[in-house]
Amino acid sequence: MAVPPQLVVSLVMGALLVAVFAWLARVEGWATPISGGETATTRRYGAEKPVGLLRWLTTVDHKDIGKLYGVFGVVAFAWGGGTVLLMRLELLGPGADFMTREYYNGLMTTHGITMLFLFAAPFIAAFGNYVIPLLVDADDMAFPRVNAIAFWILPPATLLMWSGFFLKPLGLSIAPASMGWTMYTPLVTQQANAGIDLFLLGFHLSGIATTMSAMNFIATIVAARDSTTVPWSKLDIFSWTILTQSFLIVIVFPLLGAVIVMILLDRNFGTLFFDPAGGGAILYQHLFWFFGHPEVYILVLPPMGLVSLILPKFAGRKLFGFKFIVYSTIAIGVLSFGVWAHHMFTTGLDPRLRTSFMAVSIAIAVPSAVKVFNWIATLWNGKIRLNAPMLFMLGALQNFIIGGVTGVFLAAIPFNLVMHDTYYVVGHFHFIVYGMIGFALMGATYYFFPMMTGKMYNRRLAQGHFWLALVGSNVTFFAMMFLGYGGMPRRYATYLPKFATWHQVATLGAILITISTALWVWNMIQSLRAERTVTDGDPWQLAAVGQYTRDWAWFESTRGPAVTDGGTDESVHQDDREPRRGDE
């Protein structure tokens, strides 16, 4: 009897996982006590770190790990953006133009998973790793080695998830996983494609890495934090959101891992967890969405924290209603466990259950609205400076309002029954995932760029990036919602000719987003090479507006005498530069 190739792949990868965990179990000193002013890094390396590639392969310094997460996130963003651009080019016309149905579905699968789990989550971890220990006055993360291991699990996990695109051209019977990012059964269990098994194993590994990182953040904020200088009452808003996010991860990611294991067992060992004769597809949807909707808040809460952290810096005022924003963050985390079935209103649920989920789904908009109104109140009568970080925070606020309002409509059962699985849902979701989360993360890139690199970005390129991204995102996602109003179903590579115009508009917007992203990446690379070094530890003039925080105090301790921050290339006039303290 022939052995199925997916069974061989599963057994090999299972043996590899057992070997990895057996090796990890022998590693001593995972928890590195932080005391006496001696950091984990100095104990690991002695007086100084290695140089070159060896440094980056062996570092346990939280700042280095943060930079590695950032570079990894940019690579993942390039992959996810490239896949969706190919999809949008295919959708320029109503017919199948230059790719097969299976390849289109593979692009759709890798785009969704990559953007959510390989770009957004690691990019959040980049800022969390770099600044959380500084903000809570800890020498490093509570478990520096675990922190490094959590990152280095991600690259091989990613290669497994993308492997179908590389192995198929080699003539192997392994194709890209084409099941959609939700991995619905029975579609995922009935395809004889070993690429799906590789994808699921990589996805499982990425979930393990995320869970390890979350436990580390909890331990750092709760236990490694200096409770004398940073009591709970003075914990910053970004740390509160990371802490809430981490608790959500620890609760729901093990469920995702269990679901993935059950799918692999169904595919390779004939179990019936999600077979119609066993648990069925509805059981899968309940399990997946119990993870899947808290996952949305796992991704959006830290960007909300970044908006709450950065926006007051350039509004010249303290964050309005700090305690209410903290309470709303915790409320979102709690309520997120009671909304999953609004993804299943069309599956024939008991109407009484649907009504209860509708009520909670509408109620969760209240703590989100609290944040919005507090951000607006922070801006009110403020001395607003429209630097690139502030522009992106304002763009995130605008997009979040649109995405939030359209989401409230989807929480209503009658509206949901009409719009379910149409492009309206895609437009709403992308206003949140790219329009809010993406904008907040890119704005944070500019805000922390001087701290993380010692350089100042090119301000003109940054402003070009913002305006192209803002226009491109609104053009694309509004076009998607108009398609949804017209009845265009999601996940289709072909469509009726009447939808062609709005698909072409959406593709135009996607091209603008692509250009804006290229400007962002080029700005970061070019600024590292050519822009002026920042020697002023307060490049954003935060002390002048009472917004000077511990992270920038650490940065100032690493700088020399204060000079102008630069922030532009030689073609920008002196008046365009950010004023120094005392110049105003």
Protein backbone atom coordinates (compact mmCIF):
# COMPACT_ATOMS: atom_id res chain seq x y z
CA MET A 1 0.00 0.00 0.00
CA ALA A 2 1.39 3.40 -0.98
CA VAL A 3 2.14 5.77 1.86
CA PRO A 4 0.49 9.19 1.38
CA PRO A 5 3.14 11.93 1.01
CA GLN A 6 1.36 14.17 3.51
CA LEU A 7 1.64 11.40 6.12
CA VAL A 8 5.39 11.17 5.56
CA VAL A 9 5.72 14.95 5.85
CA SER A 10 3.65 15.01 9.04
CA LEU A 11 5.71 12.24 10.66
CA VAL A 12 9.02 13.87 9.73
CA MET A 13 7.92 17.26 11.03
CA GLY A 14 6.51 15.66 14.19
CA ALA A 15 9.85 13.95 14.85
CA LEU A 16 11.61 17.25 14.26
CA LEU A 17 9.36 19.00 16.79
CA VAL A 18 10.00 16.26 19.38
CA ALA A 19 13.75 16.64 18.82
CA VAL A 20 13.57 20.40 19.21
CA PHE A 21 11.60 20.19 22.45
CA ALA A 22 13.94 17.47 23.78
CA TRP A 23 16.88 19.77 23.15
CA LEU A 24 15.13 22.75 24.71
CA ALA A 25 14.36 20.69 27.81
CA ARG A 26 18.12 20.30 28.36
CA VAL A 27 18.85 24.01 28.14
CA GLU A 28 19.57 25.43 31.56
CA GLY A 29 18.90 28.94 32.76
CA TRP A 30 15.93 29.87 30.60
CA ALA A 31 14.86 32.32 33.26
CA THR A 32 17.62 34.88 33.69
CA PRO A 33 17.20 36.70 37.02
CA ILE A 34 17.49 40.44 36.65
CA SER A 35 19.03 42.06 39.71
CA GLY A 36 21.92 44.14 40.90
CA GLY A 37 22.10 46.24 37.76
CA GLU A 38 23.66 43.36 35.76
CA THR A 39 21.79 42.71 32.54
CA ALA A 40 21.13 39.39 30.90
CA THR A 41 23.19 40.52 27.93
CA THR A 42 26.35 41.21 29.91
CA ARG A 43 26.07 37.87 31.70
CA ARG A 44 25.58 36.11 28.38
CA TYR A 45 28.42 37.75 26.50
CA GLY A 46 30.61 39.28 29.15
CA ALA A 47 31.84 42.83 28.67
CA GLU A 48 30.80 43.14 25.05
CA LYS A 49 28.72 41.38 22.40
CA PRO A 50 30.07 39.56 19.38
CA VAL A 51 30.13 41.54 16.16
CA GLY A 52 28.69 40.92 12.74
CA LEU A 53 26.32 38.10 11.92
CA LEU A 54 27.22 36.14 15.07
CA ARG A 55 25.83 38.93 17.22
CA TRP A 56 22.40 38.78 15.56
CA LEU A 57 22.28 34.98 15.62
CA THR A 58 23.12 34.71 19.33
CA THR A 59 21.82 37.90 20.91
CA VAL A 60 19.40 37.86 23.82
CA ASP A 61 19.31 41.66 24.21
CA HIS A 62 15.68 42.80 24.06
CA LYS A 63 16.60 45.75 21.83
CA ASP A 64 18.34 43.49 19.29
CA ILE A 65 15.42 41.05 19.35
CA GLY A 66 13.08 43.99 18.72
CA LYS A 67 15.06 44.98 15.64
CA LEU A 68 15.04 41.39 14.37
CA TYR A 69 11.26 41.27 14.74
CA GLY A 70 11.04 44.55 12.82
CA VAL A 71 13.14 43.31 9.89
CA PHE A 72 11.20 40.05 9.83
CA GLY A 73 7.91 41.97 9.81
CA VAL A 74 9.01 44.09 6.85
CA VAL A 75 9.95 40.96 4.86
CA ALA A 76 6.59 39.36 5.69
CA PHE A 77 4.79 42.57 4.74
CA ALA A 78 6.56 42.56 1.37
CA TRP A 79 5.46 38.95 0.76
CA GLY A 80 1.88 39.57 1.87
CA GLY A 81 1.67 42.77 -0.15
CA GLY A 82 3.11 41.12 -3.25
CA THR A 83 0.58 38.29 -3.11
CA VAL A 84 -2.40 40.63 -2.80
CA LEU A 85 -1.11 42.82 -5.63
CA LEU A 86 -1.06 39.74 -7.88
CA MET A 87 -4.62 38.99 -6.79
CA ARG A 88 -5.77 42.53 -7.55
CA LEU A 89 -4.13 42.41 -11.00
CA GLU A 90 -6.02 39.18 -11.68
CA LEU A 91 -9.23 40.94 -10.63
CA LEU A 92 -8.78 43.76 -13.15
CA GLY A 93 -10.96 41.79 -15.54
CA PRO A 94 -13.96 39.54 -14.88
CA GLY A 95 -12.42 36.37 -16.36
CA ALA A 96 -9.50 34.17 -15.35
CA ASP A 97 -6.69 36.16 -16.96
CA PHE A 98 -3.26 34.84 -16.03
CA MET A 99 -3.51 32.43 -13.07
CA THR A 100 -5.35 29.25 -12.18
CA ARG A 101 -8.07 29.01 -9.57
CA GLU A 102 -5.78 26.96 -7.30
CA TYR A 103 -2.96 29.51 -7.51
CA TYR A 104 -5.34 32.37 -6.76
CA ASN A 105 -6.65 30.51 -3.72
CA GLY A 106 -3.06 29.88 -2.63
CA LEU A 107 -2.29 33.59 -2.86
CA MET A 108 -5.41 34.41 -0.87
CA THR A 109 -4.46 31.91 1.84
CA THR A 110 -0.89 33.09 2.25
CA HIS A 111 -1.88 36.77 2.08
CA GLY A 112 -4.33 36.56 4.97
CA ILE A 113 -2.19 34.43 7.29
CA THR A 114 0.99 36.37 6.47
CA MET A 115 -0.47 39.80 7.16
CA LEU A 116 -2.16 38.77 10.40
CA PHE A 117 0.36 36.41 11.97
CA LEU A 118 3.69 37.12 10.28
CA PHE A 119 3.52 40.89 9.82
CA ALA A 120 1.16 42.48 12.35
CA ALA A 121 1.94 40.26 15.34
CA PRO A 122 5.76 40.28 14.92
CA PHE A 123 5.80 44.02 14.18
CA ILE A 124 3.90 44.65 17.40
CA ALA A 125 6.45 42.42 19.15
CA ALA A 126 9.23 44.55 17.64
CA PHE A 127 8.11 47.66 19.50
CA GLY A 128 7.09 45.67 22.56
CA ASN A 129 10.49 44.02 22.86
CA TYR A 130 12.39 47.24 22.33
CA VAL A 131 10.52 49.65 24.59
CA ILE A 132 8.55 47.66 27.21
CA PRO A 133 11.60 46.88 29.39
CA LEU A 134 12.59 50.56 29.13
CA LEU A 135 9.10 51.77 30.05
CA VAL A 136 8.75 49.43 33.05
CA ASP A 137 12.33 50.08 34.23
CA ALA A 138 13.51 46.48 33.76
CA ASP A 139 16.99 45.52 32.65
CA ASP A 140 15.68 43.17 29.99
CA MET A 141 12.79 40.84 29.30
CA ALA A 142 12.11 38.45 32.16
CA PHE A 143 13.26 35.45 30.09
CA PRO A 144 15.82 36.70 27.55
CA ARG A 145 16.66 33.27 26.14
CA VAL A 146 13.00 32.38 25.73
CA ASN A 147 12.61 35.73 24.00
CA ALA A 148 15.30 34.81 21.47
CA ILE A 149 13.92 31.30 20.95
CA ALA A 150 10.42 32.70 20.34
CA PHE A 151 11.79 34.84 17.52
CA TRP A 152 13.97 32.18 15.91
CA ILE A 153 11.03 29.77 15.69
CA LEU A 154 9.33 32.20 13.29
CA PRO A 155 11.68 32.03 10.24
CA PRO A 156 11.47 28.21 9.81
CA ALA A 157 7.73 28.35 10.54
CA THR A 158 7.35 30.96 7.81
CA LEU A 159 9.33 28.90 5.29
CA LEU A 160 7.05 25.94 5.99
CA MET A 161 3.97 28.09 5.41
CA TRP A 162 5.33 29.50 2.14
CA SER A 163 7.01 26.27 1.01
CA GLY A 164 4.36 25.30 -1.54
CA PHE A 165 5.28 28.30 -3.70
CA PHE A 166 8.93 27.20 -3.78
CA LEU A 167 8.48 23.42 -4.05
CA LYS A 168 5.80 23.31 -6.76
CA PRO A 169 8.14 24.68 -9.50
CA LEU A 170 10.61 21.90 -8.62
CA GLY A 171 8.15 19.29 -9.87
CA LEU A 172 7.22 18.00 -6.43
CA SER A 173 3.63 17.05 -5.59
CA ILE A 174 3.48 19.89 -3.07
CA ALA A 175 1.44 22.94 -4.06
CA PRO A 176 0.63 26.15 -2.18
CA ALA A 177 -2.06 25.66 0.46
CA SER A 178 -5.31 26.83 -1.12
CA MET A 179 -7.89 26.78 1.65
CA GLY A 180 -8.37 30.42 2.66
CA TRP A 181 -6.94 31.96 5.80
CA THR A 182 -9.89 30.63 7.84
CA MET A 183 -8.99 27.03 6.87
CA TYR A 184 -12.62 25.92 6.79
CA THR A 185 -13.45 22.24 6.82
CA PRO A 186 -14.17 20.11 4.84
CA LEU A 187 -12.13 22.07 2.27
CA VAL A 188 -8.95 21.77 4.32
CA THR A 189 -9.42 18.11 5.22
CA GLN A 190 -10.31 16.73 1.80
CA GLN A 191 -7.45 18.10 -0.33
CA ALA A 192 -4.64 15.61 -0.99
CA ASN A 193 -1.96 18.31 -1.01
CA ALA A 194 1.06 17.89 1.26
CA GLY A 195 1.55 21.66 1.05
CA ILE A 196 -1.42 22.03 3.40
CA ASP A 197 0.29 19.84 6.01
CA LEU A 198 3.47 21.91 5.75
CA PHE A 199 1.42 25.07 6.05
CA LEU A 200 -0.43 23.81 9.14
CA LEU A 201 2.79 22.71 10.82
CA GLY A 202 4.37 26.09 10.18
CA PHE A 203 1.25 27.84 11.43
CA HIS A 204 1.33 25.73 14.59
CA LEU A 205 4.98 26.65 15.16
CA SER A 206 4.21 30.35 14.75
CA GLY A 207 1.46 30.01 17.35
CA ILE A 208 3.92 28.41 19.78
CA ALA A 209 6.34 31.29 19.23
CA THR A 210 3.60 33.87 19.81
CA THR A 211 2.50 32.15 23.03
CA MET A 212 6.08 32.02 24.35
CA SER A 213 6.47 35.73 23.61
CA ALA A 214 3.18 36.56 25.35
CA MET A 215 4.14 34.70 28.52
CA ASN A 216 7.42 36.59 28.50
CA PHE A 217 5.65 39.96 28.26
CA ILE A 218 3.36 39.03 31.16
CA ALA A 219 6.32 38.01 33.31
CA THR A 220 8.25 41.15 32.37
CA ILE A 221 5.45 43.60 33.13
CA VAL A 222 4.23 41.82 36.27
CA ALA A 223 7.46 40.51 37.81
CA ALA A 224 10.50 42.21 36.22
CA ARG A 225 8.97 45.70 36.42
CA ASP A 226 10.52 47.96 39.05
CA SER A 227 7.46 48.38 41.28
CA THR A 228 9.12 51.26 43.14
CA THR A 229 9.63 53.55 40.16
CA VAL A 230 6.78 52.11 38.06
CA PRO A 231 3.84 51.13 40.29
CA TRP A 232 0.64 49.91 38.63
CA SER A 233 -0.80 53.41 38.87
CA LYS A 234 2.05 54.75 36.69
CA LEU A 235 2.21 51.95 34.15
CA ASP A 236 2.09 53.47 30.66
CA ILE A 237 -0.80 52.81 28.27
CA PHE A 238 1.25 50.82 25.75
CA SER A 239 2.31 48.38 28.48
CA TRP A 240 -1.34 48.00 29.55
CA THR A 241 -2.36 47.06 26.02
CA ILE A 242 0.55 44.62 25.60
CA LEU A 243 -0.36 43.03 28.95
CA THR A 244 -4.01 42.62 27.92
CA GLN A 245 -2.99 41.29 24.52
CA SER A 246 -0.65 38.76 26.13
CA PHE A 247 -3.35 37.38 28.41
CA LEU A 248 -5.64 36.96 25.38
CA ILE A 249 -2.88 35.12 23.52
CA VAL A 250 -2.22 32.74 26.40
CA ILE A 251 -5.94 31.91 26.58
CA VAL A 252 -6.84 31.46 22.89
CA PHE A 253 -3.67 30.39 21.05
CA PRO A 254 -3.57 26.95 22.70
CA LEU A 255 -7.06 26.43 21.28
CA LEU A 256 -5.75 27.28 17.81
CA GLY A 257 -2.96 24.76 18.30
CA ALA A 258 -5.48 22.09 19.31
CA VAL A 259 -7.62 22.82 16.24
CA ILE A 260 -4.58 22.53 13.94
CA VAL A 261 -3.63 19.19 15.52
CA MET A 262 -7.19 17.91 15.03
CA ILE A 263 -7.13 18.94 11.35
CA LEU A 264 -3.81 17.12 10.85
CA LEU A 265 -5.25 14.02 12.53
CA ASP A 266 -8.34 14.17 10.32
CA ARG A 267 -6.18 14.54 7.21
CA ASN A 268 -3.64 11.85 7.98
CA PHE A 269 -5.03 9.35 10.49
CA GLY A 270 -8.71 9.11 9.63
CA THR A 271 -10.13 10.73 12.76
CA LEU A 272 -13.54 12.40 12.60
CA PHE A 273 -13.16 15.60 14.60
CA PHE A 274 -14.57 17.75 11.79
CA ASP A 275 -16.05 15.08 9.53
CA PRO A 276 -19.85 15.22 9.05
CA ALA A 277 -19.98 11.79 10.74
CA GLY A 278 -18.19 13.23 13.77
CA GLY A 279 -17.99 16.78 15.07
CA GLY A 280 -18.76 18.42 11.74
CA ALA A 281 -17.88 21.73 10.12
CA ILE A 282 -19.96 23.77 12.57
CA LEU A 283 -17.84 22.51 15.47
CA TYR A 284 -14.77 23.70 13.58
CA GLN A 285 -16.28 27.16 13.07
CA HIS A 286 -17.11 27.49 16.76
CA LEU A 287 -13.59 26.50 17.77
CA PHE A 288 -11.88 28.62 15.12
CA TRP A 289 -13.89 31.77 15.74
CA PHE A 290 -13.59 31.46 19.51
CA PHE A 291 -9.92 31.98 18.71
CA GLY A 292 -10.42 34.10 15.60
CA HIS A 293 -12.33 37.04 16.97
CA PRO A 294 -10.21 37.59 20.09
CA GLU A 295 -7.32 37.46 17.61
CA VAL A 296 -8.66 40.65 16.03
CA TYR A 297 -8.35 42.39 19.40
CA ILE A 298 -4.98 40.73 20.02
CA LEU A 299 -3.82 42.61 16.92
CA VAL A 300 -5.67 45.89 17.44
CA LEU A 301 -5.12 46.56 21.16
CA PRO A 302 -1.34 47.29 21.00
CA PRO A 303 -1.79 49.66 18.02
CA MET A 304 -4.49 51.39 20.08
CA GLY A 305 -1.86 51.65 22.79
CA LEU A 306 0.60 53.16 20.32
CA VAL A 307 -1.97 55.77 19.27
CA SER A 308 -2.64 56.54 22.93
CA LEU A 309 1.12 56.79 23.56
CA ILE A 310 2.18 58.82 20.52
CA LEU A 311 -0.79 61.08 19.77
CA PRO A 312 -0.47 63.13 23.01
CA LYS A 313 3.22 63.72 22.28
CA PHE A 314 2.37 65.77 19.19
CA ALA A 315 -0.85 67.24 20.56
CA GLY A 316 1.08 68.88 23.38
CA ARG A 317 -1.32 67.52 26.01
CA LYS A 318 -1.53 64.58 28.36
CA LEU A 319 -3.77 61.72 27.28
CA PHE A 320 -7.35 62.61 28.18
CA GLY A 321 -9.05 60.08 30.48
CA PHE A 322 -6.06 57.77 30.96
CA LYS A 323 -7.86 55.50 33.44
CA PHE A 324 -10.90 55.18 31.19
CA ILE A 325 -8.70 54.08 28.31
CA VAL A 326 -7.10 51.46 30.56
CA TYR A 327 -10.53 50.25 31.70
CA SER A 328 -11.79 50.18 28.11
CA THR A 329 -8.75 48.12 27.09
CA ILE A 330 -9.52 45.52 29.75
CA ALA A 331 -13.24 45.61 28.85
CA ILE A 332 -12.44 44.90 25.20
CA GLY A 333 -10.30 41.96 26.26
CA VAL A 334 -13.11 40.48 28.38
CA LEU A 335 -15.93 41.12 25.91
CA SER A 336 -13.91 39.70 23.00
CA PHE A 337 -14.72 36.18 24.22
CA GLY A 338 -18.46 36.73 23.77
CA VAL A 339 -18.72 37.80 20.13
CA TRP A 340 -17.33 34.91 18.06
CA ALA A 341 -20.67 33.62 16.74
CA HIS A 342 -21.45 36.83 14.84
CA HIS A 343 -19.28 35.19 12.16
CA MET A 344 -21.82 32.37 12.09
CA PHE A 345 -25.19 34.15 11.86
CA THR A 346 -25.92 32.38 8.55
CA THR A 347 -25.18 28.86 9.81
CA GLY A 348 -28.61 28.22 11.35
CA LEU A 349 -27.87 29.05 14.98
CA ASP A 350 -30.76 29.21 17.43
CA PRO A 351 -32.24 32.75 17.12
CA ARG A 352 -31.90 33.24 20.87
CA LEU A 353 -28.17 32.58 20.65
CA ARG A 354 -27.82 34.89 17.66
CA THR A 355 -29.56 37.68 19.58
CA SER A 356 -27.23 37.37 22.56
CA PHE A 357 -24.15 37.45 20.34
CA MET A 358 -25.55 40.46 18.49
CA ALA A 359 -25.99 42.29 21.80
CA VAL A 360 -22.42 41.63 22.93
CA SER A 361 -21.04 42.48 19.48
CA ILE A 362 -22.74 45.87 19.63
CA ALA A 363 -21.72 46.36 23.27
CA ILE A 364 -18.03 45.88 22.51
CA ALA A 365 -18.22 49.02 20.36
CA VAL A 366 -18.69 51.07 23.56
CA PRO A 367 -15.15 50.70 24.98
CA SER A 368 -13.78 51.22 21.47
CA ALA A 369 -15.78 54.44 21.21
CA VAL A 370 -14.38 55.51 24.60
CA LYS A 371 -10.90 55.40 23.10
CA VAL A 372 -11.96 57.37 20.03
CA PHE A 373 -13.61 60.15 22.02
CA ASN A 374 -10.66 60.31 24.42
CA TRP A 375 -8.25 60.65 21.49
CA ILE A 376 -10.39 63.45 20.05
CA ALA A 377 -10.53 65.15 23.45
CA THR A 378 -6.75 64.91 23.66
CA LEU A 379 -6.50 66.75 20.34
CA TRP A 380 -8.97 69.44 21.43
CA ASN A 381 -7.19 72.79 21.94
CA GLY A 382 -3.85 71.02 21.66
CA LYS A 383 -0.72 72.44 20.12
CA ILE A 384 -0.69 69.94 17.25
CA ARG A 385 2.53 69.22 15.34
CA LEU A 386 1.96 67.36 12.07
CA ASN A 387 5.12 65.28 12.04
CA ALA A 388 4.98 61.91 10.27
CA PRO A 389 4.17 59.96 13.46
CA MET A 390 1.25 62.30 14.17
CA LEU A 391 -0.06 62.11 10.61
CA PHE A 392 -0.18 58.34 10.81
CA MET A 393 -1.90 58.42 14.20
CA LEU A 394 -4.56 60.75 12.77
CA GLY A 395 -4.90 58.47 9.73
CA ALA A 396 -5.30 55.47 12.04
CA LEU A 397 -8.00 57.36 13.97
CA GLN A 398 -9.93 58.21 10.80
CA ASN A 399 -9.72 54.68 9.43
CA PHE A 400 -10.69 53.16 12.76
CA ILE A 401 -13.84 55.28 12.92
CA ILE A 402 -14.87 54.05 9.44
CA GLY A 403 -13.97 50.44 10.21
CA GLY A 404 -15.68 50.57 13.59
CA VAL A 405 -18.93 52.07 12.34
CA THR A 406 -19.18 49.56 9.48
CA GLY A 407 -18.48 46.80 12.00
CA VAL A 408 -21.39 47.87 14.20
CA PHE A 409 -23.69 47.42 11.21
CA LEU A 410 -22.33 43.92 10.64
CA ALA A 411 -23.12 43.08 14.26
CA ALA A 412 -26.84 43.54 13.49
CA ILE A 413 -28.35 40.22 12.40
CA PRO A 414 -30.57 41.53 9.52
CA PHE A 415 -27.74 43.50 7.94
CA ASN A 416 -25.28 40.65 8.48
CA LEU A 417 -27.53 38.14 6.73
CA VAL A 418 -27.47 40.31 3.60
CA MET A 419 -23.78 41.28 3.64
CA HIS A 420 -22.27 38.05 4.96
CA ASP A 421 -19.42 36.78 2.75
CA THR A 422 -19.53 39.80 0.46
CA TYR A 423 -16.81 42.33 -0.27
CA TYR A 424 -18.43 44.64 2.29
CA VAL A 425 -16.91 42.44 5.01
CA VAL A 426 -13.53 42.58 3.26
CA GLY A 427 -13.64 46.38 3.12
CA HIS A 428 -14.67 46.70 6.78
CA PHE A 429 -11.98 44.27 7.92
CA HIS A 430 -9.22 45.98 5.94
CA PHE A 431 -10.13 49.40 7.30
CA ILE A 432 -9.23 47.92 10.69
CA VAL A 433 -6.31 45.65 9.79
CA TYR A 434 -4.45 47.96 7.40
CA GLY A 435 -6.21 51.27 7.94
CA MET A 436 -5.87 51.26 11.73
CA ILE A 437 -3.32 48.61 12.70
CA GLY A 438 -1.04 49.21 9.71
CA PHE A 439 -1.11 52.99 10.03
CA ALA A 440 -0.42 52.89 13.77
CA LEU A 441 2.52 50.52 13.30
CA MET A 442 4.04 52.55 10.46
CA GLY A 443 3.59 55.75 12.49
CA ALA A 444 5.35 54.07 15.41
CA THR A 445 8.18 53.17 13.04
CA TYR A 446 8.80 56.86 12.41
CA TYR A 447 8.36 57.76 16.09
CA PHE A 448 10.85 55.18 17.39
CA PHE A 449 13.21 55.36 14.39
CA PRO A 450 15.61 57.85 16.04
CA MET A 451 15.70 55.73 19.20
CA MET A 452 16.19 52.41 17.44
CA THR A 453 18.72 53.55 14.83
CA GLY A 454 20.26 56.82 16.02
CA LYS A 455 19.23 58.37 12.69
CA MET A 456 16.38 60.62 11.55
CA TYR A 457 14.21 59.64 8.60
CA ASN A 458 13.62 61.75 5.50
CA ARG A 459 10.55 63.83 6.29
CA ARG A 460 9.45 64.46 2.71
CA LEU A 461 9.48 60.76 1.88
CA ALA A 462 7.55 60.09 5.09
CA GLN A 463 4.85 62.59 4.19
CA GLY A 464 4.62 61.16 0.66
CA HIS A 465 4.25 57.72 2.20
CA PHE A 466 1.40 58.92 4.41
CA TRP A 467 -0.68 60.66 1.76
CA LEU A 468 -0.32 57.86 -0.80
CA ALA A 469 -1.20 55.27 1.86
CA LEU A 470 -4.21 57.26 3.09
CA VAL A 471 -5.62 57.87 -0.38
CA GLY A 472 -4.82 54.34 -1.57
CA SER A 473 -6.40 52.63 1.44
CA ASN A 474 -9.61 54.65 1.29
CA VAL A 475 -9.94 54.18 -2.48
CA THR A 476 -9.38 50.43 -2.18
CA PHE A 477 -11.56 49.68 0.83
CA PHE A 478 -14.47 51.96 -0.10
CA ALA A 479 -14.50 50.30 -3.52
CA MET A 480 -14.68 46.93 -1.77
CA MET A 481 -17.65 48.03 0.32
CA PHE A 482 -19.44 49.32 -2.77
CA LEU A 483 -18.82 45.92 -4.37
CA GLY A 484 -20.37 44.32 -1.31
CA TYR A 485 -23.43 46.56 -1.53
CA GLY A 486 -23.78 45.35 -5.11
CA GLY A 487 -23.70 41.70 -4.05
CA MET A 488 -20.14 40.74 -5.05
CA PRO A 489 -19.12 37.64 -3.03
CA ARG A 490 -15.65 37.47 -1.51
CA ARG A 491 -12.93 34.91 -2.33
CA TYR A 492 -13.78 34.71 -6.07
CA ALA A 493 -11.19 35.13 -8.84
CA THR A 494 -13.89 35.67 -11.49
CA TYR A 495 -17.02 37.81 -11.36
CA LEU A 496 -19.86 39.27 -13.41
CA PRO A 497 -18.88 42.10 -15.79
CA LYS A 498 -21.06 44.58 -13.85
CA PHE A 499 -18.51 44.53 -10.99
CA ALA A 500 -15.52 45.33 -13.20
CA THR A 501 -15.42 49.11 -12.59
CA TRP A 502 -15.20 48.93 -8.81
CA HIS A 503 -12.64 46.10 -9.01
CA GLN A 504 -10.50 48.30 -11.23
CA VAL A 505 -10.84 51.18 -8.77
CA ALA A 506 -9.79 48.85 -5.93
CA THR A 507 -6.78 47.71 -7.94
CA LEU A 508 -5.78 51.34 -8.55
CA GLY A 509 -5.90 51.94 -4.81
CA ALA A 510 -3.83 48.81 -4.18
CA ILE A 511 -1.17 50.13 -6.56
CA LEU A 512 -1.05 53.40 -4.60
CA ILE A 513 -0.62 51.42 -1.38
CA THR A 514 2.21 49.46 -3.00
CA ILE A 515 4.00 52.66 -4.04
CA SER A 516 3.55 54.13 -0.55
CA THR A 517 4.99 51.00 1.05
CA ALA A 518 7.99 51.11 -1.29
CA LEU A 519 8.59 54.72 -0.17
CA TRP A 520 8.42 53.60 3.47
CA VAL A 521 10.97 50.81 3.03
CA TRP A 522 13.26 53.00 0.91
CA ASN A 523 13.04 55.77 3.49
CA MET A 524 14.13 53.42 6.26
CA ILE A 525 17.04 51.98 4.24
CA GLN A 526 18.21 55.31 2.83
CA SER A 527 17.94 57.08 6.18
CA LEU A 528 20.14 54.45 7.82
CA ARG A 529 22.77 55.17 5.19
CA ALA A 530 22.53 58.87 4.46
CA GLU A 531 20.53 60.84 7.03
CA ARG A 532 22.14 62.71 9.89
CA THR A 533 22.89 61.09 13.22
CA VAL A 534 20.64 62.16 16.08
CA THR A 535 22.68 63.31 19.07
CA ASP A 536 19.84 65.02 20.90
CA GLY A 537 18.21 62.49 23.21
CA ASP A 538 14.90 64.34 22.88
CA PRO A 539 14.46 64.66 19.10
CA TRP A 540 10.69 65.19 19.38
CA GLN A 541 11.00 67.94 22.03
CA LEU A 542 8.86 65.98 24.47
CA ALA A 543 10.22 67.64 27.61
CA ALA A 544 8.84 70.97 26.41
CA VAL A 545 5.28 69.59 26.44
CA GLY A 546 5.58 67.46 29.57
CA GLN A 547 5.63 64.15 27.64
CA TYR A 548 9.17 62.97 28.35
CA THR A 549 9.14 59.25 29.17
CA ARG A 550 11.62 56.63 30.43
CA ASP A 551 12.37 55.21 27.01
CA TRP A 552 13.56 58.57 25.72
CA ALA A 553 15.45 59.20 28.97
CA TRP A 554 17.37 55.99 28.28
CA PHE A 555 17.99 57.13 24.71
CA GLU A 556 19.29 60.51 25.92
CA SER A 557 21.73 58.73 28.20
CA THR A 558 23.31 57.15 25.11
CA ARG A 559 23.70 60.44 23.20
CA GLY A 560 26.23 63.24 23.16
CA PRO A 561 25.61 67.01 23.31
CA ALA A 562 22.26 68.19 21.89
CA VAL A 563 22.18 69.32 18.26
CA THR A 564 19.39 69.81 15.79
CA ASP A 565 17.69 66.55 14.94
CA GLY A 566 18.10 66.81 11.19
CA GLY A 567 15.09 64.88 9.94
CA THR A 568 15.54 65.81 6.32
CA ASP A 569 17.92 65.64 3.45
CA GLU A 570 20.04 68.56 2.31
CA SER A 571 17.26 69.85 0.02
CA VAL A 572 14.91 70.64 2.91
CA HIS A 573 15.01 74.19 4.24
CA GLN A 574 16.08 75.00 7.79
CA ASP A 575 12.53 76.12 8.63
CA ASP A 576 11.18 72.64 7.83
CA ARG A 577 13.19 70.98 10.58
CA GLU A 578 11.75 70.16 13.99
CA PRO A 579 12.63 72.99 16.44
CA ARG A 580 15.00 72.24 19.31
CA ARG A 581 14.03 72.72 22.92
CA GLY A 582 14.14 76.38 23.73
CA ASP A 583 13.67 77.48 20.11
CA GLU A 584 9.93 78.02 20.53
